[in-house]
């Protein structure tokens, strides 16, 4: 018997229903929504007895991301995009980060989409560039966790222009991709390129919160953050991505990011919220 109106999945070694739900549905607690091919749900006892190769049926998730940013809008706002940056590559990369634009209130989800697009537009000239124009080495020789590979440079690549060996290494480790030894994957494979950007957006790098947490309301500033002027809003995502623009009179780069954000929030039908600038925020 095959899954009817849901997605089929075959149990792999090490799988539990909780881990599958966490990986595929974005929340491990949704394991109870997983069904057997006959359409019935797993009891707790049955969930503990799943076997490698066993077929299960995953619920078809509602994708707020594609509802917020349909193909027509994406292709309209980025008409001069590089062929690397296809809509399908973006959507495929999103499946690796299902909570992107799928967490928080409807307003927060649209603001998150607008914020991500604003930084992407600023960093890449509206998705025109796949690599940083000024290609520097960007190698932190003191980083022993992700040492620079011989002959490789770690200049900006992809929608958020990921740079430095420690970012390539950490992103590659998370994604299961050899980015440290092959950083060009971020500028030659569209799905991987968007995955690196979403990794940077979604995964916190302490003491910084993630941009996702900031835009969806799951980040609560600690006392030291409040004392440093760091508050939720688009301005905080600027601080995370490029803190050098903060804690000083607003430079042209920040003004451009905010202008993009205001443009995209208007396009997506949501107000931009507060704390759009970071001139009063200390950087990390």
C-alpha atoms as a PDB file:
ATOM      1  CA  UNK A   1       0.000   0.000   0.000  1.00  0.00           C
ATOM      2  CA  UNK A   2       1.354   3.444  -0.937  1.00  0.00           C
ATOM      3  CA  UNK A   3       0.790   6.826   0.610  1.00  0.00           C
ATOM      4  CA  UNK A   4      -2.305   8.442  -0.839  1.00  0.00           C
ATOM      5  CA  UNK A   5      -2.429  12.232  -0.432  1.00  0.00           C
ATOM      6  CA  UNK A   6       0.888  12.638   1.360  1.00  0.00           C
ATOM      7  CA  UNK A   7       4.623  12.285   0.771  1.00  0.00           C
ATOM      8  CA  UNK A   8       6.242   8.876   1.130  1.00  0.00           C
ATOM      9  CA  UNK A   9       9.453   8.410   3.118  1.00  0.00           C
ATOM     10  CA  UNK A  10      11.530   5.298   3.814  1.00  0.00           C
ATOM     11  CA  UNK A  11      12.976   4.923   7.330  1.00  0.00           C
ATOM     12  CA  UNK A  12      16.773   5.309   7.402  1.00  0.00           C
ATOM     13  CA  UNK A  13      19.281   4.037   9.995  1.00  0.00           C
ATOM     14  CA  UNK A  14      19.172   6.187  13.114  1.00  0.00           C
ATOM     15  CA  UNK A  15      15.731   7.618  12.318  1.00  0.00           C
ATOM     16  CA  UNK A  16      13.025   8.197  14.881  1.00  0.00           C
ATOM     17  CA  UNK A  17       9.677   9.738  14.078  1.00  0.00           C
ATOM     18  CA  UNK A  18      10.666  12.747  16.154  1.00  0.00           C
ATOM     19  CA  UNK A  19      13.895  13.279  14.203  1.00  0.00           C
ATOM     20  CA  UNK A  20      12.090  12.800  10.888  1.00  0.00           C
ATOM     21  CA  UNK A  21       9.454  15.360  11.852  1.00  0.00           C
ATOM     22  CA  UNK A  22      12.149  17.775  13.018  1.00  0.00           C
ATOM     23  CA  UNK A  23      14.059  17.409   9.753  1.00  0.00           C
ATOM     24  CA  UNK A  24      11.182  17.197   7.300  1.00  0.00           C
ATOM     25  CA  UNK A  25       8.429  19.190   9.005  1.00  0.00           C
ATOM     26  CA  UNK A  26      10.502  21.694  10.978  1.00  0.00           C
ATOM     27  CA  UNK A  27       9.180  20.559  14.378  1.00  0.00           C
ATOM     28  CA  UNK A  28       9.856  17.217  16.040  1.00  0.00           C
ATOM     29  CA  UNK A  29       6.629  17.441  18.014  1.00  0.00           C
ATOM     30  CA  UNK A  30       4.733  17.003  14.753  1.00  0.00           C
ATOM     31  CA  UNK A  31       5.694  13.301  14.654  1.00  0.00           C
ATOM     32  CA  UNK A  32       2.121  12.426  15.587  1.00  0.00           C
ATOM     33  CA  UNK A  33       0.983  13.793  12.210  1.00  0.00           C
ATOM     34  CA  UNK A  34       2.999  11.109  10.416  1.00  0.00           C
ATOM     35  CA  UNK A  35       0.884   8.235   9.175  1.00  0.00           C
ATOM     36  CA  UNK A  36       1.257   4.624   8.131  1.00  0.00           C
ATOM     37  CA  UNK A  37       0.446   3.781   4.482  1.00  0.00           C
ATOM     38  CA  UNK A  38      -3.024   2.623   5.528  1.00  0.00           C
ATOM     39  CA  UNK A  39      -3.798   6.166   6.711  1.00  0.00           C
ATOM     40  CA  UNK A  40      -3.696   5.470  10.445  1.00  0.00           C
ATOM     41  CA  UNK A  41      -1.428   7.276  12.891  1.00  0.00           C
ATOM     42  CA  UNK A  42       1.348   5.748  14.977  1.00  0.00           C
ATOM     43  CA  UNK A  43       0.767   5.066  18.637  1.00  0.00           C
ATOM     44  CA  UNK A  44       3.660   5.858  20.971  1.00  0.00           C
ATOM     45  CA  UNK A  45       4.408   2.126  21.237  1.00  0.00           C
ATOM     46  CA  UNK A  46       4.408   1.704  17.447  1.00  0.00           C
ATOM     47  CA  UNK A  47       6.630   4.754  17.021  1.00  0.00           C
ATOM     48  CA  UNK A  48       9.317   3.031  19.102  1.00  0.00           C
ATOM     49  CA  UNK A  49       9.241  -0.046  16.854  1.00  0.00           C
ATOM     50  CA  UNK A  50       9.792   1.505  13.424  1.00  0.00           C
ATOM     51  CA  UNK A  51      12.301  -0.357  11.225  1.00  0.00           C
ATOM     52  CA  UNK A  52      14.801   0.629   8.557  1.00  0.00           C
ATOM     53  CA  UNK A  53      13.147   0.512   5.145  1.00  0.00           C
ATOM     54  CA  UNK A  54       9.651   0.892   6.542  1.00  0.00           C
ATOM     55  CA  UNK A  55       7.476   3.272   4.534  1.00  0.00           C
ATOM     56  CA  UNK A  56       5.785   6.150   6.327  1.00  0.00           C
ATOM     57  CA  UNK A  57       3.623   8.995   5.049  1.00  0.00           C
ATOM     58  CA  UNK A  58       4.502  12.613   5.779  1.00  0.00           C
ATOM     59  CA  UNK A  59       1.775  15.277   5.793  1.00  0.00           C
ATOM     60  CA  UNK A  60       1.911  17.680   2.892  1.00  0.00           C
ATOM     61  CA  UNK A  61       3.020  20.889   4.543  1.00  0.00           C
ATOM     62  CA  UNK A  62       1.527  24.235   3.707  1.00  0.00           C
ATOM     63  CA  UNK A  63       4.374  26.366   2.456  1.00  0.00           C
ATOM     64  CA  UNK A  64       3.881  29.949   3.550  1.00  0.00           C
ATOM     65  CA  UNK A  65       7.140  30.831   1.808  1.00  0.00           C
ATOM     66  CA  UNK A  66       5.830  30.209  -1.705  1.00  0.00           C
ATOM     67  CA  UNK A  67       2.550  31.886  -0.807  1.00  0.00           C
ATOM     68  CA  UNK A  68       4.398  35.000   0.372  1.00  0.00           C
ATOM     69  CA  UNK A  69       6.887  34.982  -2.486  1.00  0.00           C
ATOM     70  CA  UNK A  70       5.383  33.334  -5.574  1.00  0.00           C
ATOM     71  CA  UNK A  71       7.445  32.859  -8.711  1.00  0.00           C
ATOM     72  CA  UNK A  72       5.911  35.853 -10.514  1.00  0.00           C
ATOM     73  CA  UNK A  73       6.874  38.327  -7.767  1.00  0.00           C
ATOM     74  CA  UNK A  74      10.387  36.880  -7.433  1.00  0.00           C
ATOM     75  CA  UNK A  75      11.066  37.073 -11.151  1.00  0.00           C
ATOM     76  CA  UNK A  76       9.564  40.559 -11.367  1.00  0.00           C
ATOM     77  CA  UNK A  77      11.663  42.089  -8.598  1.00  0.00           C
ATOM     78  CA  UNK A  78      14.893  40.494  -9.848  1.00  0.00           C
ATOM     79  CA  UNK A  79      14.667  40.789 -13.661  1.00  0.00           C
ATOM     80  CA  UNK A  80      18.446  41.030 -14.154  1.00  0.00           C
ATOM     81  CA  UNK A  81      19.316  38.126 -11.840  1.00  0.00           C
ATOM     82  CA  UNK A  82      22.177  35.808 -12.703  1.00  0.00           C
ATOM     83  CA  UNK A  83      21.041  32.426 -14.130  1.00  0.00           C
ATOM     84  CA  UNK A  84      22.382  30.801 -10.948  1.00  0.00           C
ATOM     85  CA  UNK A  85      19.616  32.366  -8.889  1.00  0.00           C
ATOM     86  CA  UNK A  86      16.541  30.565 -10.164  1.00  0.00           C
ATOM     87  CA  UNK A  87      13.284  30.542  -8.260  1.00  0.00           C
ATOM     88  CA  UNK A  88      13.311  26.741  -8.260  1.00  0.00           C
ATOM     89  CA  UNK A  89      16.783  26.720  -6.664  1.00  0.00           C
ATOM     90  CA  UNK A  90      15.491  29.053  -3.937  1.00  0.00           C
ATOM     91  CA  UNK A  91      12.445  26.876  -3.280  1.00  0.00           C
ATOM     92  CA  UNK A  92      14.538  23.704  -3.182  1.00  0.00           C
ATOM     93  CA  UNK A  93      17.021  25.300  -0.776  1.00  0.00           C
ATOM     94  CA  UNK A  94      14.095  26.342   1.405  1.00  0.00           C
ATOM     95  CA  UNK A  95      13.147  22.709   2.037  1.00  0.00           C
ATOM     96  CA  UNK A  96      16.362  22.416   4.050  1.00  0.00           C
ATOM     97  CA  UNK A  97      15.164  25.309   6.243  1.00  0.00           C
ATOM     98  CA  UNK A  98      11.381  24.834   6.427  1.00  0.00           C
ATOM     99  CA  UNK A  99      10.878  27.412   9.193  1.00  0.00           C
ATOM    100  CA  UNK A 100      12.048  30.264   6.972  1.00  0.00           C
ATOM    101  CA  UNK A 101       8.932  32.441   6.524  1.00  0.00           C
ATOM    102  CA  UNK A 102       6.967  29.642   8.214  1.00  0.00           C
ATOM    103  CA  UNK A 103       7.211  30.733  11.842  1.00  0.00           C
ATOM    104  CA  UNK A 104       5.645  33.589  13.752  1.00  0.00           C
ATOM    105  CA  UNK A 105       2.598  35.631  12.840  1.00  0.00           C
ATOM    106  CA  UNK A 106       1.605  36.287   9.206  1.00  0.00           C
ATOM    107  CA  UNK A 107       2.974  39.829   9.608  1.00  0.00           C
ATOM    108  CA  UNK A 108       6.290  38.557  10.959  1.00  0.00           C
ATOM    109  CA  UNK A 109       6.584  36.045   8.135  1.00  0.00           C
ATOM    110  CA  UNK A 110       6.159  38.700   5.473  1.00  0.00           C
ATOM    111  CA  UNK A 111       8.577  41.006   7.243  1.00  0.00           C
ATOM    112  CA  UNK A 112      11.122  38.192   7.351  1.00  0.00           C
ATOM    113  CA  UNK A 113      10.778  37.608   3.615  1.00  0.00           C
ATOM    114  CA  UNK A 114      11.162  41.333   2.950  1.00  0.00           C
ATOM    115  CA  UNK A 115      14.197  41.570   5.240  1.00  0.00           C
ATOM    116  CA  UNK A 116      15.962  38.634   3.604  1.00  0.00           C
ATOM    117  CA  UNK A 117      15.255  39.976   0.121  1.00  0.00           C
ATOM    118  CA  UNK A 118      16.463  43.434   1.139  1.00  0.00           C
ATOM    119  CA  UNK A 119      19.852  42.153   2.255  1.00  0.00           C
ATOM    120  CA  UNK A 120      20.120  39.889  -0.783  1.00  0.00           C
ATOM    121  CA  UNK A 121      19.326  42.782  -3.116  1.00  0.00           C
ATOM    122  CA  UNK A 122      21.907  44.997  -1.430  1.00  0.00           C
ATOM    123  CA  UNK A 123      24.658  42.380  -1.227  1.00  0.00           C
ATOM    124  CA  UNK A 124      24.374  41.198  -4.839  1.00  0.00           C
ATOM    125  CA  UNK A 125      23.065  44.147  -6.844  1.00  0.00           C
ATOM    126  CA  UNK A 126      19.590  42.593  -7.098  1.00  0.00           C
ATOM    127  CA  UNK A 127      20.992  39.068  -7.557  1.00  0.00           C
ATOM    128  CA  UNK A 128      23.231  40.194 -10.416  1.00  0.00           C
ATOM    129  CA  UNK A 129      26.529  39.159  -8.790  1.00  0.00           C
ATOM    130  CA  UNK A 130      27.322  35.628  -7.637  1.00  0.00           C
ATOM    131  CA  UNK A 131      30.733  36.543  -6.203  1.00  0.00           C
ATOM    132  CA  UNK A 132      32.246  39.519  -4.439  1.00  0.00           C
ATOM    133  CA  UNK A 133      33.779  41.999  -6.871  1.00  0.00           C
ATOM    134  CA  UNK A 134      36.865  42.505  -4.711  1.00  0.00           C
ATOM    135  CA  UNK A 135      37.985  38.914  -4.193  1.00  0.00           C
ATOM    136  CA  UNK A 136      40.208  38.874  -1.119  1.00  0.00           C
ATOM    137  CA  UNK A 137      41.596  35.822   0.650  1.00  0.00           C
ATOM    138  CA  UNK A 138      39.350  36.135   3.741  1.00  0.00           C
ATOM    139  CA  UNK A 139      41.296  33.484   5.643  1.00  0.00           C
ATOM    140  CA  UNK A 140      41.424  33.423   9.430  1.00  0.00           C
ATOM    141  CA  UNK A 141      44.619  31.484  10.013  1.00  0.00           C
ATOM    142  CA  UNK A 142      43.927  31.201  13.744  1.00  0.00           C
ATOM    143  CA  UNK A 143      40.740  29.184  13.220  1.00  0.00           C
ATOM    144  CA  UNK A 144      41.685  25.575  13.879  1.00  0.00           C
ATOM    145  CA  UNK A 145      38.164  24.167  13.549  1.00  0.00           C
ATOM    146  CA  UNK A 146      37.950  25.149   9.885  1.00  0.00           C
ATOM    147  CA  UNK A 147      41.469  25.857   8.597  1.00  0.00           C
ATOM    148  CA  UNK A 148      41.819  27.357   5.128  1.00  0.00           C
ATOM    149  CA  UNK A 149      42.332  24.805   2.379  1.00  0.00           C
ATOM    150  CA  UNK A 150      45.432  25.288   0.196  1.00  0.00           C
ATOM    151  CA  UNK A 151      44.764  27.359  -2.888  1.00  0.00           C
ATOM    152  CA  UNK A 152      41.241  28.373  -1.866  1.00  0.00           C
ATOM    153  CA  UNK A 153      39.869  31.833  -1.181  1.00  0.00           C
ATOM    154  CA  UNK A 154      36.870  32.588   0.974  1.00  0.00           C
ATOM    155  CA  UNK A 155      35.601  35.819  -0.516  1.00  0.00           C
ATOM    156  CA  UNK A 156      31.887  36.580  -0.670  1.00  0.00           C
ATOM    157  CA  UNK A 157      29.724  34.212  -2.676  1.00  0.00           C
ATOM    158  CA  UNK A 158      25.992  33.653  -3.050  1.00  0.00           C
ATOM    159  CA  UNK A 159      22.893  35.701  -2.161  1.00  0.00           C
ATOM    160  CA  UNK A 160      24.296  36.900   1.190  1.00  0.00           C
ATOM    161  CA  UNK A 161      27.917  36.832   0.048  1.00  0.00           C
ATOM    162  CA  UNK A 162      29.071  34.319   2.659  1.00  0.00           C
ATOM    163  CA  UNK A 163      32.762  34.876   3.406  1.00  0.00           C
ATOM    164  CA  UNK A 164      35.636  33.684   5.635  1.00  0.00           C
ATOM    165  CA  UNK A 165      36.778  30.095   6.106  1.00  0.00           C
ATOM    166  CA  UNK A 166      34.963  29.664   9.427  1.00  0.00           C
ATOM    167  CA  UNK A 167      31.629  30.450   7.773  1.00  0.00           C
ATOM    168  CA  UNK A 168      32.269  28.181   4.809  1.00  0.00           C
ATOM    169  CA  UNK A 169      33.376  25.420   7.170  1.00  0.00           C
ATOM    170  CA  UNK A 170      30.436  25.751   9.547  1.00  0.00           C
ATOM    171  CA  UNK A 171      27.912  26.014   6.720  1.00  0.00           C
ATOM    172  CA  UNK A 172      29.427  23.018   4.963  1.00  0.00           C
ATOM    173  CA  UNK A 173      29.369  20.989   8.174  1.00  0.00           C
ATOM    174  CA  UNK A 174      25.708  21.829   8.771  1.00  0.00           C
ATOM    175  CA  UNK A 175      24.679  21.115   5.180  1.00  0.00           C
ATOM    176  CA  UNK A 176      26.876  18.058   4.704  1.00  0.00           C
ATOM    177  CA  UNK A 177      28.701  19.713   1.795  1.00  0.00           C
ATOM    178  CA  UNK A 178      32.522  20.083   1.445  1.00  0.00           C
ATOM    179  CA  UNK A 179      32.403  23.861   1.211  1.00  0.00           C
ATOM    180  CA  UNK A 180      35.693  24.401   3.018  1.00  0.00           C
ATOM    181  CA  UNK A 181      37.625  22.518   0.331  1.00  0.00           C
ATOM    182  CA  UNK A 182      35.317  23.559  -2.493  1.00  0.00           C
ATOM    183  CA  UNK A 183      34.006  27.072  -1.750  1.00  0.00           C
ATOM    184  CA  UNK A 184      33.142  27.585  -5.435  1.00  0.00           C
ATOM    185  CA  UNK A 185      30.104  25.348  -4.895  1.00  0.00           C
ATOM    186  CA  UNK A 186      28.470  28.427  -3.364  1.00  0.00           C
ATOM    187  CA  UNK A 187      28.784  30.292  -6.666  1.00  0.00           C
ATOM    188  CA  UNK A 188      28.231  27.473  -9.180  1.00  0.00           C
ATOM    189  CA  UNK A 189      25.348  25.460  -7.718  1.00  0.00           C
ATOM    190  CA  UNK A 190      22.129  27.467  -7.284  1.00  0.00           C
ATOM    191  CA  UNK A 191      20.622  25.294  -4.564  1.00  0.00           C
ATOM    192  CA  UNK A 192      23.826  25.273  -2.514  1.00  0.00           C
ATOM    193  CA  UNK A 193      24.212  29.007  -3.053  1.00  0.00           C
ATOM    194  CA  UNK A 194      20.790  29.720  -1.556  1.00  0.00           C
ATOM    195  CA  UNK A 195      21.398  27.154   1.180  1.00  0.00           C
ATOM    196  CA  UNK A 196      24.492  29.026   2.356  1.00  0.00           C
ATOM    197  CA  UNK A 197      22.474  32.241   2.558  1.00  0.00           C
ATOM    198  CA  UNK A 198      19.629  30.567   4.435  1.00  0.00           C
ATOM    199  CA  UNK A 199      22.130  28.881   6.766  1.00  0.00           C
ATOM    200  CA  UNK A 200      23.577  32.261   7.708  1.00  0.00           C
ATOM    201  CA  UNK A 201      20.076  33.695   8.109  1.00  0.00           C
ATOM    202  CA  UNK A 202      18.577  30.854  10.142  1.00  0.00           C
ATOM    203  CA  UNK A 203      21.433  29.640  12.360  1.00  0.00           C
ATOM    204  CA  UNK A 204      22.530  31.765  15.312  1.00  0.00           C
ATOM    205  CA  UNK A 205      26.228  32.421  15.786  1.00  0.00           C
ATOM    206  CA  UNK A 206      26.513  33.388  19.476  1.00  0.00           C
ATOM    207  CA  UNK A 207      26.596  35.925  20.904  1.00  0.00           C
ATOM    208  CA  UNK A 208      24.582  37.058  17.890  1.00  0.00           C
ATOM    209  CA  UNK A 209      21.024  35.764  17.490  1.00  0.00           C
ATOM    210  CA  UNK A 210      19.883  34.577  14.080  1.00  0.00           C
ATOM    211  CA  UNK A 211      18.223  37.015  11.706  1.00  0.00           C
ATOM    212  CA  UNK A 212      15.300  34.590  11.611  1.00  0.00           C
ATOM    213  CA  UNK A 213      14.817  34.800  15.376  1.00  0.00           C
ATOM    214  CA  UNK A 214      14.982  38.582  15.263  1.00  0.00           C
ATOM    215  CA  UNK A 215      12.378  38.921  12.524  1.00  0.00           C
ATOM    216  CA  UNK A 216       9.970  36.291  13.880  1.00  0.00           C
ATOM    217  CA  UNK A 217       9.904  37.520  17.471  1.00  0.00           C
ATOM    218  CA  UNK A 218      11.592  34.508  19.078  1.00  0.00           C
ATOM    219  CA  UNK A 219      14.628  36.551  20.134  1.00  0.00           C
ATOM    220  CA  UNK A 220      14.304  38.423  23.437  1.00  0.00           C
ATOM    221  CA  UNK A 221      17.140  40.923  24.009  1.00  0.00           C
ATOM    222  CA  UNK A 222      19.137  40.262  27.164  1.00  0.00           C
ATOM    223  CA  UNK A 223      19.984  43.124  29.507  1.00  0.00           C
ATOM    224  CA  UNK A 224      23.357  43.692  27.845  1.00  0.00           C
ATOM    225  CA  UNK A 225      21.658  43.847  24.443  1.00  0.00           C
ATOM    226  CA  UNK A 226      19.186  46.439  25.645  1.00  0.00           C
ATOM    227  CA  UNK A 227      21.980  48.469  27.195  1.00  0.00           C
ATOM    228  CA  UNK A 228      23.767  48.355  23.841  1.00  0.00           C
ATOM    229  CA  UNK A 229      20.629  49.528  22.016  1.00  0.00           C
ATOM    230  CA  UNK A 230      20.104  46.185  20.297  1.00  0.00           C
ATOM    231  CA  UNK A 231      16.363  45.706  19.811  1.00  0.00           C
ATOM    232  CA  UNK A 232      14.211  43.535  17.506  1.00  0.00           C
ATOM    233  CA  UNK A 233      13.623  44.938  14.041  1.00  0.00           C
ATOM    234  CA  UNK A 234      15.269  45.180  10.653  1.00  0.00           C
ATOM    235  CA  UNK A 235      18.114  47.255  12.096  1.00  0.00           C
ATOM    236  CA  UNK A 236      19.197  44.311  14.202  1.00  0.00           C
ATOM    237  CA  UNK A 237      19.587  42.129  11.099  1.00  0.00           C
ATOM    238  CA  UNK A 238      21.971  44.763   9.717  1.00  0.00           C
ATOM    239  CA  UNK A 239      23.954  44.496  12.954  1.00  0.00           C
ATOM    240  CA  UNK A 240      24.150  40.719  12.543  1.00  0.00           C
ATOM    241  CA  UNK A 241      25.154  40.795   8.875  1.00  0.00           C
ATOM    242  CA  UNK A 242      27.508  43.773   8.970  1.00  0.00           C
ATOM    243  CA  UNK A 243      27.884  45.357  12.387  1.00  0.00           C
ATOM    244  CA  UNK A 244      30.451  47.776  11.025  1.00  0.00           C
ATOM    245  CA  UNK A 245      27.569  49.834   9.639  1.00  0.00           C
ATOM    246  CA  UNK A 246      26.134  50.313  13.137  1.00  0.00           C
ATOM    247  CA  UNK A 247      26.761  52.549  16.151  1.00  0.00           C
ATOM    248  CA  UNK A 248      27.600  55.564  13.983  1.00  0.00           C
ATOM    249  CA  UNK A 249      25.820  57.996  11.682  1.00  0.00           C
ATOM    250  CA  UNK A 250      23.885  56.007   9.106  1.00  0.00           C
ATOM    251  CA  UNK A 251      26.167  55.221   6.137  1.00  0.00           C
ATOM    252  CA  UNK A 252      24.873  54.937   2.536  1.00  0.00           C
ATOM    253  CA  UNK A 253      25.016  51.125   2.719  1.00  0.00           C
ATOM    254  CA  UNK A 254      22.585  51.027   5.635  1.00  0.00           C
ATOM    255  CA  UNK A 255      20.293  53.569   4.004  1.00  0.00           C
ATOM    256  CA  UNK A 256      20.225  51.350   0.909  1.00  0.00           C
ATOM    257  CA  UNK A 257      19.345  48.262   2.938  1.00  0.00           C
ATOM    258  CA  UNK A 258      16.502  50.080   4.672  1.00  0.00           C
ATOM    259  CA  UNK A 259      15.213  51.464   1.374  1.00  0.00           C
ATOM    260  CA  UNK A 260      15.117  47.950  -0.077  1.00  0.00           C
ATOM    261  CA  UNK A 261      13.340  46.668   3.031  1.00  0.00           C
ATOM    262  CA  UNK A 262      10.693  49.381   2.922  1.00  0.00           C
ATOM    263  CA  UNK A 263      10.185  48.718  -0.787  1.00  0.00           C
ATOM    264  CA  UNK A 264       9.756  44.976  -0.295  1.00  0.00           C
ATOM    265  CA  UNK A 265       7.465  45.281   2.727  1.00  0.00           C
ATOM    266  CA  UNK A 266       5.235  47.535   0.656  1.00  0.00           C
ATOM    267  CA  UNK A 267       5.326  45.029  -2.188  1.00  0.00           C
ATOM    268  CA  UNK A 268       4.419  42.175   0.159  1.00  0.00           C
ATOM    269  CA  UNK A 269       1.633  44.162   1.799  1.00  0.00           C
ATOM    270  CA  UNK A 270       2.971  44.598   5.324  1.00  0.00           C
ATOM    271  CA  UNK A 271       4.213  47.544   7.383  1.00  0.00           C
ATOM    272  CA  UNK A 272       7.967  47.519   8.095  1.00  0.00           C
ATOM    273  CA  UNK A 273       7.689  47.722  11.880  1.00  0.00           C
ATOM    274  CA  UNK A 274      10.053  49.651  14.149  1.00  0.00           C
ATOM    275  CA  UNK A 275      13.819  49.845  14.750  1.00  0.00           C
ATOM    276  CA  UNK A 276      14.771  49.904  11.081  1.00  0.00           C
ATOM    277  CA  UNK A 277      18.219  51.457  11.579  1.00  0.00           C
ATOM    278  CA  UNK A 278      21.197  50.441  13.706  1.00  0.00           C
ATOM    279  CA  UNK A 279      22.953  53.780  14.207  1.00  0.00           C
ATOM    280  CA  UNK A 280      22.162  53.555  17.934  1.00  0.00           C
ATOM    281  CA  UNK A 281      23.195  49.900  18.287  1.00  0.00           C
ATOM    282  CA  UNK A 282      26.626  48.776  19.439  1.00  0.00           C
ATOM    283  CA  UNK A 283      27.975  46.041  17.205  1.00  0.00           C
ATOM    284  CA  UNK A 284      29.246  42.736  18.571  1.00  0.00           C
END
